[in-house]
Amino acid sequence: MTDTLQTIGPESTMAELLGAFPGARRALFAQYHIGGCSSCAFSPEETVAQLCARNEDLPVEEVLQHVRDTHDEDAQILISPQALSTMLASDKPPRLLDIRTREEFDAVRLEGAELFTQDLVQDAFANWDNAAPVVIYDHTGTRCLDAAAYFIGHGFDAVSALEGGIDAYSRQVDSSLSRYRVEMDE
């Protein structure tokens, strides 16, 4: 992965950028209002240079540096499957939020996990202890960073995103959890 991070440049496609930097979409939208709606969307085949050129001729290296910096910040939010396993075995385990579909949640989940719903989010913001540990996970770790950033942005201090999602947890920690593939995977 480190080699991939180093080879991302102006001629890299947006698909390559998003593959190397999972939080890039959020970073681009927050800083430059790119990628959040149909009027500012981009295609996976578009290069970073093309994207910058059609968005007020943004400086490509500045945009790439912003994505890299945000990626470094995102790394601080991630928790490894092994570290989560240790936390779950402790006297004060974290609250687990599963942001996958109901069908995925019903098929396989981490013990004690709650399905991420709008009602749950409203309850969290109104009633949860903002300092208590929360770990958010998805299938492969591609979307949970965004959800964790959302909670952090709303004042939660101890939120983490499971690196590699439940798939990595099942491979690295608990092989009794069924692994699966989603046709239109994150």
Protein backbone atom coordinates (compact mmCIF):
# COMPACT_ATOMS: atom_id res chain seq x y z
CA MET A 1 0.00 0.00 0.00
CA THR A 2 2.83 2.42 0.76
CA ASP A 3 4.10 2.03 -2.81
CA THR A 4 0.62 2.89 -4.08
CA LEU A 5 0.47 5.99 -1.88
CA GLN A 6 3.76 7.21 -3.28
CA THR A 7 2.79 6.68 -6.92
CA ILE A 8 -0.44 8.70 -6.74
CA GLY A 9 0.04 11.87 -8.78
CA PRO A 10 -1.62 14.23 -11.27
CA GLU A 11 -2.20 11.51 -13.88
CA SER A 12 -3.68 9.03 -11.39
CA THR A 13 -7.36 8.30 -11.90
CA MET A 14 -9.89 9.15 -9.25
CA ALA A 15 -10.45 5.40 -8.77
CA GLU A 16 -6.74 5.00 -7.97
CA LEU A 17 -6.80 8.01 -5.64
CA LEU A 18 -9.84 6.70 -3.75
CA GLY A 19 -8.30 3.23 -3.56
CA ALA A 20 -5.12 4.58 -2.02
CA PHE A 21 -6.78 7.20 0.19
CA PRO A 22 -10.19 5.96 1.45
CA GLY A 23 -11.03 9.37 2.97
CA ALA A 24 -10.23 11.31 -0.20
CA ARG A 25 -13.86 11.88 -1.20
CA ARG A 26 -14.60 13.44 2.21
CA ALA A 27 -11.39 15.50 2.08
CA LEU A 28 -12.13 16.82 -1.41
CA PHE A 29 -15.68 17.75 -0.51
CA ALA A 30 -14.78 19.43 2.79
CA GLN A 31 -11.96 21.54 1.35
CA TYR A 32 -13.00 22.15 -2.26
CA HIS A 33 -16.70 21.13 -2.53
CA ILE A 34 -15.80 18.42 -5.04
CA GLY A 35 -17.64 15.11 -5.24
CA GLY A 36 -20.59 15.69 -2.96
CA CYS A 37 -23.37 16.15 -5.50
CA SER A 38 -24.13 15.65 -9.18
CA SER A 39 -22.92 19.12 -10.17
CA CYS A 40 -19.47 18.57 -8.63
CA ALA A 41 -19.18 14.81 -9.15
CA PHE A 42 -16.26 13.06 -10.83
CA SER A 43 -15.89 9.83 -12.73
CA PRO A 44 -13.58 7.00 -11.66
CA GLU A 45 -11.65 7.34 -14.95
CA GLU A 46 -11.04 11.09 -14.60
CA THR A 47 -7.48 12.02 -13.60
CA VAL A 48 -6.65 14.21 -10.64
CA ALA A 49 -5.25 16.82 -13.08
CA GLN A 50 -8.48 16.82 -15.11
CA LEU A 51 -10.56 17.17 -11.95
CA CYS A 52 -8.46 20.14 -10.79
CA ALA A 53 -8.55 21.80 -14.22
CA ARG A 54 -12.34 21.80 -14.41
CA ASN A 55 -12.70 23.00 -10.81
CA GLU A 56 -11.38 26.54 -11.09
CA ASP A 57 -7.95 25.26 -12.12
CA LEU A 58 -7.05 24.17 -8.61
CA PRO A 59 -3.32 23.58 -7.99
CA VAL A 60 -2.91 19.80 -8.39
CA GLU A 61 -0.08 19.41 -5.89
CA GLU A 62 -2.03 21.41 -3.28
CA VAL A 63 -5.04 19.12 -3.74
CA LEU A 64 -2.89 15.98 -3.52
CA GLN A 65 -1.14 17.29 -0.41
CA HIS A 66 -4.50 18.00 1.23
CA VAL A 67 -5.60 14.42 0.51
CA ARG A 68 -2.32 13.08 1.95
CA ASP A 69 -2.61 15.22 5.08
CA THR A 70 -6.19 14.12 5.63
CA HIS A 71 -5.11 10.50 5.14
CA ASP A 72 -2.55 10.93 7.94
CA GLU A 73 -5.29 12.32 10.19
CA ASP A 74 -7.58 9.40 9.25
CA ALA A 75 -4.88 6.92 10.28
CA GLN A 76 -5.24 8.20 13.85
CA ILE A 77 -8.93 7.16 13.82
CA LEU A 78 -8.31 3.58 12.68
CA ILE A 79 -8.18 0.64 15.05
CA SER A 80 -6.72 -2.71 14.06
CA PRO A 81 -8.74 -5.90 14.41
CA GLN A 82 -6.30 -7.13 17.07
CA ALA A 83 -6.62 -3.91 19.11
CA LEU A 84 -10.41 -4.12 18.89
CA SER A 85 -10.28 -7.72 20.10
CA THR A 86 -8.28 -6.59 23.13
CA MET A 87 -10.75 -3.78 23.83
CA LEU A 88 -13.71 -6.15 23.54
CA ALA A 89 -12.14 -8.48 26.12
CA SER A 90 -11.61 -5.63 28.60
CA ASP A 91 -13.80 -4.63 31.55
CA LYS A 92 -15.09 -1.63 29.57
CA PRO A 93 -15.60 -2.74 25.96
CA PRO A 94 -16.45 -0.14 23.33
CA ARG A 95 -19.88 0.32 21.86
CA LEU A 96 -19.95 -1.27 18.38
CA LEU A 97 -21.82 0.35 15.50
CA ASP A 98 -22.33 -1.64 12.31
CA ILE A 99 -22.95 0.57 9.25
CA ARG A 100 -23.63 -2.27 6.81
CA THR A 101 -27.07 -3.16 5.45
CA ARG A 102 -29.64 -4.90 7.61
CA GLU A 103 -29.19 -8.05 5.50
CA GLU A 104 -25.45 -8.10 6.16
CA PHE A 105 -26.01 -7.34 9.84
CA ASP A 106 -28.55 -10.17 10.15
CA ALA A 107 -26.19 -12.60 8.38
CA VAL A 108 -23.05 -11.95 10.44
CA ARG A 109 -21.98 -9.36 13.00
CA LEU A 110 -19.64 -8.75 15.88
CA GLU A 111 -21.18 -9.75 19.20
CA GLY A 112 -22.88 -6.80 20.85
CA ALA A 113 -22.95 -4.65 17.71
CA GLU A 114 -25.83 -2.31 17.01
CA LEU A 115 -27.11 -1.60 13.53
CA PHE A 116 -26.50 2.00 12.51
CA THR A 117 -29.93 3.57 11.96
CA GLN A 118 -31.22 7.13 12.01
CA ASP A 119 -32.96 6.42 15.32
CA LEU A 120 -29.71 5.14 16.80
CA VAL A 121 -27.84 8.26 15.65
CA GLN A 122 -30.48 10.51 17.25
CA ASP A 123 -30.26 8.51 20.47
CA ALA A 124 -26.45 8.71 20.42
CA PHE A 125 -26.42 12.48 20.00
CA ALA A 126 -29.04 12.97 22.71
CA ASN A 127 -28.06 10.38 25.31
CA TRP A 128 -24.65 8.75 24.88
CA ASP A 129 -21.52 9.66 26.80
CA ASN A 130 -19.37 11.54 24.25
CA ALA A 131 -16.18 10.32 25.96
CA ALA A 132 -17.06 6.60 25.95
CA PRO A 133 -15.32 4.46 23.33
CA VAL A 134 -17.23 3.68 20.13
CA VAL A 135 -15.95 1.55 17.25
CA ILE A 136 -17.68 1.76 13.87
CA TYR A 137 -17.28 -0.95 11.26
CA ASP A 138 -18.46 -1.88 7.78
CA HIS A 139 -17.66 -4.78 5.47
CA THR A 140 -14.16 -3.91 4.24
CA GLY A 141 -13.27 -0.68 6.03
CA THR A 142 -14.01 1.67 3.13
CA ARG A 143 -16.93 3.63 4.61
CA CYS A 144 -16.49 3.44 8.36
CA LEU A 145 -13.94 6.29 8.40
CA ASP A 146 -16.60 8.68 7.10
CA ALA A 147 -19.05 7.57 9.78
CA ALA A 148 -16.39 7.92 12.48
CA ALA A 149 -15.52 11.42 11.22
CA TYR A 150 -19.22 12.29 11.39
CA PHE A 151 -19.39 11.28 15.06
CA ILE A 152 -16.14 13.07 15.86
CA GLY A 153 -17.53 16.17 14.16
CA HIS A 154 -20.48 15.96 16.53
CA GLY A 155 -18.33 15.98 19.65
CA PHE A 156 -17.52 12.32 20.27
CA ASP A 157 -13.96 12.02 21.56
CA ALA A 158 -13.24 8.27 21.51
CA VAL A 159 -14.54 7.08 18.14
CA SER A 160 -12.56 4.62 16.01
CA ALA A 161 -13.10 2.95 12.64
CA LEU A 162 -12.24 -0.73 12.24
CA GLU A 163 -9.41 -1.06 9.74
CA GLY A 164 -10.41 -3.56 7.07
CA GLY A 165 -13.94 -3.89 8.49
CA ILE A 166 -15.58 -7.10 9.65
CA ASP A 167 -13.85 -8.94 6.80
CA ALA A 168 -10.40 -8.21 8.27
CA TYR A 169 -11.66 -9.05 11.76
CA SER A 170 -12.88 -12.44 10.57
CA ARG A 171 -9.55 -13.15 8.82
CA GLN A 172 -7.26 -11.91 11.57
CA VAL A 173 -9.12 -12.46 14.85
CA ASP A 174 -12.27 -14.59 14.71
CA SER A 175 -12.44 -17.15 11.91
CA SER A 176 -15.83 -18.34 13.19
CA LEU A 177 -17.39 -15.22 11.61
CA SER A 178 -18.65 -16.03 8.14
CA ARG A 179 -16.95 -14.16 5.34
CA TYR A 180 -18.91 -13.04 2.31
CA ARG A 181 -18.65 -11.02 -0.86
CA VAL A 182 -21.06 -8.32 -1.97
CA GLU A 183 -21.51 -8.02 -5.73
CA MET A 184 -21.52 -4.22 -5.59
CA ASP A 185 -19.06 -4.13 -2.66
CA GLU A 186 -18.31 -0.75 -1.13
